[in-house]
Amino acid sequence: MSGRRSRRKGHDWEREVARRLREIFGPQVRRGLQYQDGSDAPDVIVPCFHVECKVGARPPIIQALEQAEKNARPGLWPVAICKQDKQKPTVTMRFADWLELVEAWWRETGGRR
C-alpha cells in the first residue's frame, strides 16, 4: 500500500473510532491532530483514556500501546485500538489498568451489563 493510501486508511480509522466513542462520551471526543495538539497528542481525545489507533494487515499493537503509555498524561488509561484488515477491532491495555477499570465498573454496577 502506498504511503498516502496508508495514511488515509489510518485517518479514516481514527475518524471511525472517534465517531463510535462520541456516541458514548458525547461531543467532547475528537481526533487529536498532532500538528495542532502536539506530537504526543493521542489519536483520539476522549475522557479517561489516551487512545492510539492502528489499522492494517499487521497493525503494531504493542508498539501502539507503548506509544500511548509514553505519551499519556497522569490519570489517563493508555489504550491501543487496532483493526487488522478484514477482522474485528481490538482494544489493548495493560492487565493492571484493566483490573482497575473492571474493579470500578464492578463497584458501580454490581456486575450488571
PDB file of N, CA and C in Angstrom:
ATOM      1  N   MET A   1       0.849  -1.176   0.000  1.00  0.00           N
ATOM      2  CA  MET A   1       0.000   0.000   0.000  1.00  0.00           C
ATOM      3  C   MET A   1       0.891   1.234   0.000  1.00  0.00           C
ATOM      4  N   SER A   2       0.537   2.188  -0.813  1.00  0.00           N
ATOM      5  CA  SER A   2       1.337   3.408  -0.891  1.00  0.00           C
ATOM      6  C   SER A   2       1.248   4.183   0.417  1.00  0.00           C
ATOM      7  N   GLY A   3       2.238   5.054   0.644  1.00  0.00           N
ATOM      8  CA  GLY A   3       2.266   5.847   1.870  1.00  0.00           C
ATOM      9  C   GLY A   3       1.034   6.712   2.030  1.00  0.00           C
ATOM     10  N   ARG A   4       0.606   7.336   0.944  1.00  0.00           N
ATOM     11  CA  ARG A   4      -0.564   8.218   1.007  1.00  0.00           C
ATOM     12  C   ARG A   4      -1.828   7.417   1.329  1.00  0.00           C
ATOM     13  N   ARG A   5      -1.985   6.270   0.673  1.00  0.00           N
ATOM     14  CA  ARG A   5      -3.164   5.440   0.920  1.00  0.00           C
ATOM     15  C   ARG A   5      -3.161   4.887   2.345  1.00  0.00           C
ATOM     16  N   SER A   6      -1.991   4.526   2.811  1.00  0.00           N
ATOM     17  CA  SER A   6      -1.849   4.005   4.168  1.00  0.00           C
ATOM     18  C   SER A   6      -2.223   5.073   5.198  1.00  0.00           C
ATOM     19  N   ARG A   7      -1.751   6.305   4.989  1.00  0.00           N
ATOM     20  CA  ARG A   7      -2.098   7.400   5.905  1.00  0.00           C
ATOM     21  C   ARG A   7      -3.600   7.673   5.893  1.00  0.00           C
ATOM     22  N   ARG A   8      -4.178   7.647   4.694  1.00  0.00           N
ATOM     23  CA  ARG A   8      -5.618   7.886   4.598  1.00  0.00           C
ATOM     24  C   ARG A   8      -6.401   6.801   5.332  1.00  0.00           C
ATOM     25  N   LYS A   9      -5.964   5.561   5.171  1.00  0.00           N
ATOM     26  CA  LYS A   9      -6.612   4.449   5.866  1.00  0.00           C
ATOM     27  C   LYS A   9      -6.524   4.656   7.384  1.00  0.00           C
ATOM     28  N   GLY A  10      -5.359   5.099   7.859  1.00  0.00           N
ATOM     29  CA  GLY A  10      -5.183   5.377   9.282  1.00  0.00           C
ATOM     30  C   GLY A  10      -6.076   6.503   9.756  1.00  0.00           C
ATOM     31  N   HIS A  11      -6.161   7.566   8.973  1.00  0.00           N
ATOM     32  CA  HIS A  11      -7.015   8.702   9.343  1.00  0.00           C
ATOM     33  C   HIS A  11      -8.487   8.302   9.338  1.00  0.00           C
ATOM     34  N   ASP A  12      -8.876   7.485   8.345  1.00  0.00           N
ATOM     35  CA  ASP A  12     -10.262   7.006   8.299  1.00  0.00           C
ATOM     36  C   ASP A  12     -10.590   6.182   9.540  1.00  0.00           C
ATOM     37  N   TRP A  13      -9.632   5.347   9.984  1.00  0.00           N
ATOM     38  CA  TRP A  13      -9.842   4.534  11.181  1.00  0.00           C
ATOM     39  C   TRP A  13      -9.954   5.431  12.423  1.00  0.00           C
ATOM     40  N   GLU A  14      -9.114   6.439  12.527  1.00  0.00           N
ATOM     41  CA  GLU A  14      -9.200   7.376  13.653  1.00  0.00           C
ATOM     42  C   GLU A  14     -10.566   8.059  13.686  1.00  0.00           C
ATOM     43  N   ARG A  15     -11.069   8.455  12.525  1.00  0.00           N
ATOM     44  CA  ARG A  15     -12.391   9.093  12.460  1.00  0.00           C
ATOM     45  C   ARG A  15     -13.488   8.124  12.911  1.00  0.00           C
ATOM     46  N   GLU A  16     -13.379   6.865  12.490  1.00  0.00           N
ATOM     47  CA  GLU A  16     -14.364   5.856  12.891  1.00  0.00           C
ATOM     48  C   GLU A  16     -14.338   5.637  14.406  1.00  0.00           C
ATOM     49  N   VAL A  17     -13.142   5.510  14.970  1.00  0.00           N
ATOM     50  CA  VAL A  17     -13.011   5.330  16.420  1.00  0.00           C
ATOM     51  C   VAL A  17     -13.594   6.546  17.143  1.00  0.00           C
ATOM     52  N   ALA A  18     -13.266   7.744  16.688  1.00  0.00           N
ATOM     53  CA  ALA A  18     -13.793   8.965  17.315  1.00  0.00           C
ATOM     54  C   ALA A  18     -15.316   9.002  17.235  1.00  0.00           C
ATOM     55  N   ARG A  19     -15.863   8.635  16.090  1.00  0.00           N
ATOM     56  CA  ARG A  19     -17.320   8.639  15.921  1.00  0.00           C
ATOM     57  C   ARG A  19     -17.983   7.675  16.904  1.00  0.00           C
ATOM     58  N   ARG A  20     -17.435   6.471  17.029  1.00  0.00           N
ATOM     59  CA  ARG A  20     -18.018   5.462  17.930  1.00  0.00           C
ATOM     60  C   ARG A  20     -17.905   5.894  19.396  1.00  0.00           C
ATOM     61  N   LEU A  21     -16.771   6.473  19.769  1.00  0.00           N
ATOM     62  CA  LEU A  21     -16.598   6.929  21.152  1.00  0.00           C
ATOM     63  C   LEU A  21     -17.465   8.150  21.451  1.00  0.00           C
ATOM     64  N   ARG A  22     -17.700   8.979  20.442  1.00  0.00           N
ATOM     65  CA  ARG A  22     -18.566  10.156  20.606  1.00  0.00           C
ATOM     66  C   ARG A  22     -19.995   9.726  20.951  1.00  0.00           C
ATOM     67  N   GLU A  23     -20.424   8.568  20.446  1.00  0.00           N
ATOM     68  CA  GLU A  23     -21.754   8.046  20.763  1.00  0.00           C
ATOM     69  C   GLU A  23     -21.894   7.784  22.264  1.00  0.00           C
ATOM     70  N   ILE A  24     -20.788   7.504  22.936  1.00  0.00           N
ATOM     71  CA  ILE A  24     -20.802   7.214  24.376  1.00  0.00           C
ATOM     72  C   ILE A  24     -20.494   8.466  25.195  1.00  0.00           C
ATOM     73  N   PHE A  25     -19.392   9.146  24.849  1.00  0.00           N
ATOM     74  CA  PHE A  25     -18.880  10.249  25.667  1.00  0.00           C
ATOM     75  C   PHE A  25     -19.395  11.622  25.245  1.00  0.00           C
ATOM     76  N   GLY A  26     -20.020  11.711  24.089  1.00  0.00           N
ATOM     77  CA  GLY A  26     -20.556  12.987  23.643  1.00  0.00           C
ATOM     78  C   GLY A  26     -19.585  13.799  22.801  1.00  0.00           C
ATOM     79  N   PRO A  27     -19.931  15.067  22.571  1.00  0.00           N
ATOM     80  CA  PRO A  27     -19.206  15.895  21.610  1.00  0.00           C
ATOM     81  C   PRO A  27     -17.788  16.279  22.021  1.00  0.00           C
ATOM     82  N   GLN A  28     -17.400  16.004  23.260  1.00  0.00           N
ATOM     83  CA  GLN A  28     -16.035  16.335  23.679  1.00  0.00           C
ATOM     84  C   GLN A  28     -14.989  15.434  23.021  1.00  0.00           C
ATOM     85  N   VAL A  29     -15.415  14.331  22.419  1.00  0.00           N
ATOM     86  CA  VAL A  29     -14.488  13.419  21.740  1.00  0.00           C
ATOM     87  C   VAL A  29     -14.153  13.986  20.368  1.00  0.00           C
ATOM     88  N   ARG A  30     -12.868  13.963  20.048  1.00  0.00           N
ATOM     89  CA  ARG A  30     -12.429  14.410  18.715  1.00  0.00           C
ATOM     90  C   ARG A  30     -11.099  13.764  18.389  1.00  0.00           C
ATOM     91  N   ARG A  31     -10.752  13.821  17.122  1.00  0.00           N
ATOM     92  CA  ARG A  31      -9.433  13.344  16.718  1.00  0.00           C
ATOM     93  C   ARG A  31      -8.382  14.282  17.278  1.00  0.00           C
ATOM     94  N   GLY A  32      -7.288  13.711  17.732  1.00  0.00           N
ATOM     95  CA  GLY A  32      -6.160  14.511  18.189  1.00  0.00           C
ATOM     96  C   GLY A  32      -5.263  14.796  17.004  1.00  0.00           C
ATOM     97  N   LEU A  33      -5.253  16.003  16.567  1.00  0.00           N
ATOM     98  CA  LEU A  33      -4.454  16.359  15.395  1.00  0.00           C
ATOM     99  C   LEU A  33      -3.071  16.775  15.859  1.00  0.00           C
ATOM    100  N   GLN A  34      -2.078  15.927  15.576  1.00  0.00           N
ATOM    101  CA  GLN A  34      -0.731  16.143  16.089  1.00  0.00           C
ATOM    102  C   GLN A  34      -0.168  17.504  15.682  1.00  0.00           C
ATOM    103  N   TYR A  35      -0.528  17.985  14.504  1.00  0.00           N
ATOM    104  CA  TYR A  35       0.012  19.277  14.074  1.00  0.00           C
ATOM    105  C   TYR A  35      -0.589  20.435  14.866  1.00  0.00           C
ATOM    106  N   GLN A  36      -1.748  20.228  15.504  1.00  0.00           N
ATOM    107  CA  GLN A  36      -2.355  21.276  16.332  1.00  0.00           C
ATOM    108  C   GLN A  36      -2.116  21.034  17.817  1.00  0.00           C
ATOM    109  N   ASP A  37      -2.244  19.768  18.220  1.00  0.00           N
ATOM    110  CA  ASP A  37      -2.226  19.425  19.641  1.00  0.00           C
ATOM    111  C   ASP A  37      -0.860  18.972  20.137  1.00  0.00           C
ATOM    112  N   GLY A  38       0.131  18.888  19.274  1.00  0.00           N
ATOM    113  CA  GLY A  38       1.465  18.447  19.667  1.00  0.00           C
ATOM    114  C   GLY A  38       1.736  17.017  19.239  1.00  0.00           C
ATOM    115  N   SER A  39       3.002  16.684  19.095  1.00  0.00           N
ATOM    116  CA  SER A  39       3.374  15.374  18.561  1.00  0.00           C
ATOM    117  C   SER A  39       3.019  14.229  19.496  1.00  0.00           C
ATOM    118  N   ASP A  40       2.814  14.511  20.782  1.00  0.00           N
ATOM    119  CA  ASP A  40       2.460  13.437  21.711  1.00  0.00           C
ATOM    120  C   ASP A  40       0.958  13.382  21.982  1.00  0.00           C
ATOM    121  N   ALA A  41       0.162  14.066  21.162  1.00  0.00           N
ATOM    122  CA  ALA A  41      -1.292  14.043  21.321  1.00  0.00           C
ATOM    123  C   ALA A  41      -1.819  12.655  20.972  1.00  0.00           C
ATOM    124  N   PRO A  42      -2.876  12.216  21.660  1.00  0.00           N
ATOM    125  CA  PRO A  42      -3.478  10.932  21.297  1.00  0.00           C
ATOM    126  C   PRO A  42      -4.128  11.022  19.922  1.00  0.00           C
ATOM    127  N   ASP A  43      -4.345   9.868  19.298  1.00  0.00           N
ATOM    128  CA  ASP A  43      -5.034   9.857  18.008  1.00  0.00           C
ATOM    129  C   ASP A  43      -6.485  10.292  18.164  1.00  0.00           C
ATOM    130  N   VAL A  44      -7.091   9.919  19.297  1.00  0.00           N
ATOM    131  CA  VAL A  44      -8.454  10.330  19.606  1.00  0.00           C
ATOM    132  C   VAL A  44      -8.469  10.863  21.035  1.00  0.00           C
ATOM    133  N   ILE A  45      -8.999  12.062  21.207  1.00  0.00           N
ATOM    134  CA  ILE A  45      -9.078  12.689  22.526  1.00  0.00           C
ATOM    135  C   ILE A  45     -10.422  12.321  23.143  1.00  0.00           C
ATOM    136  N   VAL A  46     -10.352  11.650  24.294  1.00  0.00           N
ATOM    137  CA  VAL A  46     -11.543  11.143  24.976  1.00  0.00           C
ATOM    138  C   VAL A  46     -11.269  11.173  26.481  1.00  0.00           C
ATOM    139  N   PRO A  47     -12.289  11.438  27.305  1.00  0.00           N
ATOM    140  CA  PRO A  47     -12.055  11.455  28.750  1.00  0.00           C
ATOM    141  C   PRO A  47     -11.534  10.104  29.248  1.00  0.00           C
ATOM    142  N   CYS A  48     -10.638  10.149  30.189  1.00  0.00           N
ATOM    143  CA  CYS A  48     -10.138   8.975  30.921  1.00  0.00           C
ATOM    144  C   CYS A  48      -9.109   8.128  30.177  1.00  0.00           C
ATOM    145  N   PHE A  49      -8.967   8.284  28.871  1.00  0.00           N
ATOM    146  CA  PHE A  49      -8.082   7.408  28.105  1.00  0.00           C
ATOM    147  C   PHE A  49      -7.135   8.203  27.216  1.00  0.00           C
ATOM    148  N   HIS A  50      -5.961   7.625  26.967  1.00  0.00           N
ATOM    149  CA  HIS A  50      -5.066   8.110  25.917  1.00  0.00           C
ATOM    150  C   HIS A  50      -5.140   7.050  24.828  1.00  0.00           C
ATOM    151  N   VAL A  51      -5.762   7.366  23.705  1.00  0.00           N
ATOM    152  CA  VAL A  51      -6.065   6.398  22.654  1.00  0.00           C
ATOM    153  C   VAL A  51      -5.098   6.549  21.485  1.00  0.00           C
ATOM    154  N   GLU A  52      -4.438   5.441  21.156  1.00  0.00           N
ATOM    155  CA  GLU A  52      -3.652   5.345  19.930  1.00  0.00           C
ATOM    156  C   GLU A  52      -4.347   4.341  19.023  1.00  0.00           C
ATOM    157  N   CYS A  53      -4.486   4.680  17.747  1.00  0.00           N
ATOM    158  CA  CYS A  53      -5.188   3.837  16.780  1.00  0.00           C
ATOM    159  C   CYS A  53      -4.213   3.328  15.728  1.00  0.00           C
ATOM    160  N   LYS A  54      -4.371   2.063  15.371  1.00  0.00           N
ATOM    161  CA  LYS A  54      -3.576   1.479  14.289  1.00  0.00           C
ATOM    162  C   LYS A  54      -4.500   0.595  13.465  1.00  0.00           C
ATOM    163  N   VAL A  55      -4.230   0.544  12.162  1.00  0.00           N
ATOM    164  CA  VAL A  55      -5.014  -0.279  11.248  1.00  0.00           C
ATOM    165  C   VAL A  55      -4.089  -0.785  10.154  1.00  0.00           C
ATOM    166  N   GLY A  56      -4.379  -1.974   9.634  1.00  0.00           N
ATOM    167  CA  GLY A  56      -3.584  -2.504   8.534  1.00  0.00           C
ATOM    168  C   GLY A  56      -3.523  -4.019   8.554  1.00  0.00           C
ATOM    169  N   ALA A  57      -2.712  -4.566   7.658  1.00  0.00           N
ATOM    170  CA  ALA A  57      -2.570  -6.019   7.558  1.00  0.00           C
ATOM    171  C   ALA A  57      -1.994  -6.609   8.837  1.00  0.00           C
ATOM    172  N   ARG A  58      -1.039  -5.912   9.439  1.00  0.00           N
ATOM    173  CA  ARG A  58      -0.425  -6.356  10.698  1.00  0.00           C
ATOM    174  C   ARG A  58      -0.171  -5.135  11.580  1.00  0.00           C
ATOM    175  N   PRO A  59      -1.215  -4.589  12.175  1.00  0.00           N
ATOM    176  CA  PRO A  59      -1.012  -3.375  12.978  1.00  0.00           C
ATOM    177  C   PRO A  59      -0.105  -3.661  14.175  1.00  0.00           C
ATOM    178  N   PRO A  60       0.808  -2.751  14.478  1.00  0.00           N
ATOM    179  CA  PRO A  60       1.750  -2.943  15.594  1.00  0.00           C
ATOM    180  C   PRO A  60       1.085  -2.640  16.943  1.00  0.00           C
ATOM    181  N   ILE A  61       0.375  -3.614  17.463  1.00  0.00           N
ATOM    182  CA  ILE A  61      -0.463  -3.419  18.646  1.00  0.00           C
ATOM    183  C   ILE A  61       0.358  -3.015  19.870  1.00  0.00           C
ATOM    184  N   ILE A  62       1.405  -3.772  20.169  1.00  0.00           N
ATOM    185  CA  ILE A  62       2.204  -3.479  21.365  1.00  0.00           C
ATOM    186  C   ILE A  62       2.918  -2.139  21.209  1.00  0.00           C
ATOM    187  N   GLN A  63       3.410  -1.838  20.016  1.00  0.00           N
ATOM    188  CA  GLN A  63       4.045  -0.531  19.791  1.00  0.00           C
ATOM    189  C   GLN A  63       3.042   0.597  20.008  1.00  0.00           C
ATOM    190  N   ALA A  64       1.805   0.395  19.582  1.00  0.00           N
ATOM    191  CA  ALA A  64       0.774   1.419  19.788  1.00  0.00           C
ATOM    192  C   ALA A  64       0.501   1.612  21.278  1.00  0.00           C
ATOM    193  N   LEU A  65       0.442   0.505  22.026  1.00  0.00           N
ATOM    194  CA  LEU A  65       0.222   0.604  23.470  1.00  0.00           C
ATOM    195  C   LEU A  65       1.397   1.299  24.147  1.00  0.00           C
ATOM    196  N   GLU A  66       2.608   0.948  23.750  1.00  0.00           N
ATOM    197  CA  GLU A  66       3.793   1.593  24.334  1.00  0.00           C
ATOM    198  C   GLU A  66       3.819   3.086  24.025  1.00  0.00           C
ATOM    199  N   GLN A  67       3.391   3.457  22.830  1.00  0.00           N
ATOM    200  CA  GLN A  67       3.305   4.876  22.469  1.00  0.00           C
ATOM    201  C   GLN A  67       2.280   5.580  23.362  1.00  0.00           C
ATOM    202  N   ALA A  68       1.134   4.935  23.585  1.00  0.00           N
ATOM    203  CA  ALA A  68       0.111   5.516  24.462  1.00  0.00           C
ATOM    204  C   ALA A  68       0.645   5.668  25.881  1.00  0.00           C
ATOM    205  N   GLU A  69       1.376   4.660  26.362  1.00  0.00           N
ATOM    206  CA  GLU A  69       1.939   4.726  27.716  1.00  0.00           C
ATOM    207  C   GLU A  69       2.955   5.858  27.832  1.00  0.00           C
ATOM    208  N   LYS A  70       3.769   6.000  26.826  1.00  0.00           N
ATOM    209  CA  LYS A  70       4.817   7.027  26.842  1.00  0.00           C
ATOM    210  C   LYS A  70       4.218   8.432  26.856  1.00  0.00           C
ATOM    211  N   ASN A  71       3.127   8.619  26.129  1.00  0.00           N
ATOM    212  CA  ASN A  71       2.576   9.961  25.936  1.00  0.00           C
ATOM    213  C   ASN A  71       1.386  10.301  26.828  1.00  0.00           C
ATOM    214  N   ALA A  72       0.833   9.321  27.532  1.00  0.00           N
ATOM    215  CA  ALA A  72      -0.373   9.562  28.337  1.00  0.00           C
ATOM    216  C   ALA A  72      -0.075  10.484  29.514  1.00  0.00           C
ATOM    217  N   ARG A  73      -0.949  11.438  29.715  1.00  0.00           N
ATOM    218  CA  ARG A  73      -0.858  12.295  30.897  1.00  0.00           C
ATOM    219  C   ARG A  73      -1.282  11.494  32.119  1.00  0.00           C
ATOM    220  N   PRO A  74      -0.814  11.884  33.304  1.00  0.00           N
ATOM    221  CA  PRO A  74      -1.227  11.186  34.529  1.00  0.00           C
ATOM    222  C   PRO A  74      -2.750  11.168  34.657  1.00  0.00           C
ATOM    223  N   GLY A  75      -3.274  10.034  35.082  1.00  0.00           N
ATOM    224  CA  GLY A  75      -4.712   9.900  35.270  1.00  0.00           C
ATOM    225  C   GLY A  75      -5.452   9.341  34.070  1.00  0.00           C
ATOM    226  N   LEU A  76      -4.767   9.185  32.934  1.00  0.00           N
ATOM    227  CA  LEU A  76      -5.400   8.616  31.745  1.00  0.00           C
ATOM    228  C   LEU A  76      -4.943   7.173  31.564  1.00  0.00           C
ATOM    229  N   TRP A  77      -5.886   6.291  31.232  1.00  0.00           N
ATOM    230  CA  TRP A  77      -5.526   4.913  30.905  1.00  0.00           C
ATOM    231  C   TRP A  77      -5.024   4.859  29.465  1.00  0.00           C
ATOM    232  N   PRO A  78      -3.815   4.352  29.232  1.00  0.00           N
ATOM    233  CA  PRO A  78      -3.324   4.200  27.861  1.00  0.00           C
ATOM    234  C   PRO A  78      -3.940   2.964  27.201  1.00  0.00           C
ATOM    235  N   VAL A  79      -4.468   3.140  25.998  1.00  0.00           N
ATOM    236  CA  VAL A  79      -5.050   2.029  25.244  1.00  0.00           C
ATOM    237  C   VAL A  79      -4.658   2.125  23.778  1.00  0.00           C
ATOM    238  N   ALA A  80      -4.601   0.959  23.146  1.00  0.00           N
ATOM    239  CA  ALA A  80      -4.399   0.873  21.699  1.00  0.00           C
ATOM    240  C   ALA A  80      -5.667   0.266  21.110  1.00  0.00           C
ATOM    241  N   ILE A  81      -6.279   0.974  20.177  1.00  0.00           N
ATOM    242  CA  ILE A  81      -7.453   0.455  19.481  1.00  0.00           C
ATOM    243  C   ILE A  81      -6.995   0.144  18.063  1.00  0.00           C
ATOM    244  N   CYS A  82      -6.956  -1.147  17.750  1.00  0.00           N
ATOM    245  CA  CYS A  82      -6.353  -1.601  16.496  1.00  0.00           C
ATOM    246  C   CYS A  82      -7.331  -2.449  15.701  1.00  0.00           C
ATOM    247  N   LYS A  83      -7.170  -2.384  14.382  1.00  0.00           N
ATOM    248  CA  LYS A  83      -8.002  -3.183  13.490  1.00  0.00           C
ATOM    249  C   LYS A  83      -7.133  -3.786  12.406  1.00  0.00           C
ATOM    250  N   GLN A  84      -7.071  -5.105  12.421  1.00  0.00           N
ATOM    251  CA  GLN A  84      -6.385  -5.819  11.348  1.00  0.00           C
ATOM    252  C   GLN A  84      -7.352  -5.918  10.176  1.00  0.00           C
ATOM    253  N   ASP A  85      -6.824  -5.824   8.962  1.00  0.00           N
ATOM    254  CA  ASP A  85      -7.665  -5.896   7.770  1.00  0.00           C
ATOM    255  C   ASP A  85      -8.606  -7.099   7.842  1.00  0.00           C
ATOM    256  N   LYS A  86      -9.877  -6.860   7.545  1.00  0.00           N
ATOM    257  CA  LYS A  86     -10.913  -7.891   7.470  1.00  0.00           C
ATOM    258  C   LYS A  86     -11.164  -8.604   8.800  1.00  0.00           C
ATOM    259  N   GLN A  87     -10.804  -7.967   9.906  1.00  0.00           N
ATOM    260  CA  GLN A  87     -11.025  -8.527  11.240  1.00  0.00           C
ATOM    261  C   GLN A  87     -11.771  -7.502  12.096  1.00  0.00           C
ATOM    262  N   LYS A  88     -12.304  -7.972  13.215  1.00  0.00           N
ATOM    263  CA  LYS A  88     -12.957  -7.063  14.158  1.00  0.00           C
ATOM    264  C   LYS A  88     -11.889  -6.314  14.951  1.00  0.00           C
ATOM    265  N   PRO A  89     -12.158  -5.075  15.338  1.00  0.00           N
ATOM    266  CA  PRO A  89     -11.183  -4.286  16.099  1.00  0.00           C
ATOM    267  C   PRO A  89     -10.944  -4.863  17.499  1.00  0.00           C
ATOM    268  N   THR A  90      -9.782  -4.532  18.045  1.00  0.00           N
ATOM    269  CA  THR A  90      -9.438  -4.923  19.413  1.00  0.00           C
ATOM    270  C   THR A  90      -9.020  -3.685  20.199  1.00  0.00           C
ATOM    271  N   VAL A  91      -9.168  -3.781  21.513  1.00  0.00           N
ATOM    272  CA  VAL A  91      -8.664  -2.759  22.428  1.00  0.00           C
ATOM    273  C   VAL A  91      -7.644  -3.442  23.315  1.00  0.00           C
ATOM    274  N   THR A  92      -6.448  -2.873  23.401  1.00  0.00           N
ATOM    275  CA  THR A  92      -5.375  -3.458  24.201  1.00  0.00           C
ATOM    276  C   THR A  92      -4.968  -2.472  25.282  1.00  0.00           C
ATOM    277  N   MET A  93      -4.868  -3.002  26.501  1.00  0.00           N
ATOM    278  CA  MET A  93      -4.372  -2.216  27.624  1.00  0.00           C
ATOM    279  C   MET A  93      -3.646  -3.162  28.569  1.00  0.00           C
ATOM    280  N   ARG A  94      -2.859  -2.616  29.469  1.00  0.00           N
ATOM    281  CA  ARG A  94      -2.142  -3.443  30.439  1.00  0.00           C
ATOM    282  C   ARG A  94      -3.139  -4.067  31.411  1.00  0.00           C
ATOM    283  N   PHE A  95      -2.811  -5.274  31.852  1.00  0.00           N
ATOM    284  CA  PHE A  95      -3.689  -6.037  32.738  1.00  0.00           C
ATOM    285  C   PHE A  95      -4.008  -5.258  34.014  1.00  0.00           C
ATOM    286  N   ALA A  96      -3.007  -4.623  34.612  1.00  0.00           N
ATOM    287  CA  ALA A  96      -3.233  -3.855  35.848  1.00  0.00           C
ATOM    288  C   ALA A  96      -4.230  -2.720  35.608  1.00  0.00           C
ATOM    289  N   ASP A  97      -4.127  -2.045  34.459  1.00  0.00           N
ATOM    290  CA  ASP A  97      -5.075  -0.974  34.131  1.00  0.00           C
ATOM    291  C   ASP A  97      -6.476  -1.539  33.928  1.00  0.00           C
ATOM    292  N   TRP A  98      -6.551  -2.687  33.253  1.00  0.00           N
ATOM    293  CA  TRP A  98      -7.836  -3.330  33.009  1.00  0.00           C
ATOM    294  C   TRP A  98      -8.493  -3.719  34.329  1.00  0.00           C
ATOM    295  N   LEU A  99      -7.694  -4.274  35.258  1.00  0.00           N
ATOM    296  CA  LEU A  99      -8.229  -4.649  36.570  1.00  0.00           C
ATOM    297  C   LEU A  99      -8.784  -3.432  37.309  1.00  0.00           C
ATOM    298  N   GLU A 100      -8.077  -2.317  37.237  1.00  0.00           N
ATOM    299  CA  GLU A 100      -8.543  -1.077  37.870  1.00  0.00           C
ATOM    300  C   GLU A 100      -9.884  -0.641  37.276  1.00  0.00           C
ATOM    301  N   LEU A 101      -9.987  -0.714  35.973  1.00  0.00           N
ATOM    302  CA  LEU A 101     -11.210  -0.333  35.273  1.00  0.00           C
ATOM    303  C   LEU A 101     -12.360  -1.279  35.624  1.00  0.00           C
ATOM    304  N   VAL A 102     -12.090  -2.578  35.618  1.00  0.00           N
ATOM    305  CA  VAL A 102     -13.119  -3.570  35.931  1.00  0.00           C
ATOM    306  C   VAL A 102     -13.578  -3.442  37.384  1.00  0.00           C
ATOM    307  N   GLU A 103     -12.638  -3.189  38.275  1.00  0.00           N
ATOM    308  CA  GLU A 103     -13.000  -3.018  39.683  1.00  0.00           C
ATOM    309  C   GLU A 103     -13.953  -1.836  39.856  1.00  0.00           C
ATOM    310  N   ALA A 104     -13.670  -0.721  39.205  1.00  0.00           N
ATOM    311  CA  ALA A 104     -14.548   0.455  39.286  1.00  0.00           C
ATOM    312  C   ALA A 104     -15.922   0.141  38.694  1.00  0.00           C
ATOM    313  N   TRP A 105     -15.948  -0.545  37.568  1.00  0.00           N
ATOM    314  CA  TRP A 105     -17.211  -0.920  36.938  1.00  0.00           C
ATOM    315  C   TRP A 105     -18.005  -1.843  37.861  1.00  0.00           C
ATOM    316  N   TRP A 106     -17.327  -2.823  38.467  1.00  0.00           N
ATOM    317  CA  TRP A 106     -18.000  -3.784  39.338  1.00  0.00           C
ATOM    318  C   TRP A 106     -18.612  -3.085  40.552  1.00  0.00           C
ATOM    319  N   ARG A 107     -17.835  -2.186  41.164  1.00  0.00           N
ATOM    320  CA  ARG A 107     -18.347  -1.454  42.320  1.00  0.00           C
ATOM    321  C   ARG A 107     -19.554  -0.596  41.943  1.00  0.00           C
ATOM    322  N   GLU A 108     -19.511  -0.002  40.773  1.00  0.00           N
ATOM    323  CA  GLU A 108     -20.583   0.893  40.320  1.00  0.00           C
ATOM    324  C   GLU A 108     -21.851   0.127  39.939  1.00  0.00           C
ATOM    325  N   THR A 109     -21.703  -1.020  39.286  1.00  0.00           N
ATOM    326  CA  THR A 109     -22.866  -1.712  38.712  1.00  0.00           C
ATOM    327  C   THR A 109     -23.215  -3.026  39.395  1.00  0.00           C
ATOM    328  N   GLY A 110     -22.311  -3.548  40.220  1.00  0.00           N
ATOM    329  CA  GLY A 110     -22.543  -4.866  40.797  1.00  0.00           C
ATOM    330  C   GLY A 110     -22.483  -5.974  39.759  1.00  0.00           C
ATOM    331  N   GLY A 111     -21.866  -5.691  38.638  1.00  0.00           N
ATOM    332  CA  GLY A 111     -21.716  -6.697  37.587  1.00  0.00           C
ATOM    333  C   GLY A 111     -22.828  -6.706  36.557  1.00  0.00           C
ATOM    334  N   ARG A 112     -23.772  -5.798  36.675  1.00  0.00           N
ATOM    335  CA  ARG A 112     -24.861  -5.742  35.681  1.00  0.00           C
ATOM    336  C   ARG A 112     -24.345  -5.148  34.381  1.00  0.00           C
ATOM    337  N   ARG A 113     -24.785  -5.717  33.296  1.00  0.00           N
ATOM    338  CA  ARG A 113     -24.406  -5.205  31.971  1.00  0.00           C
ATOM    339  C   ARG A 113     -25.500  -4.359  31.395  1.00  0.00           C
TER     340      ARG A 113
END
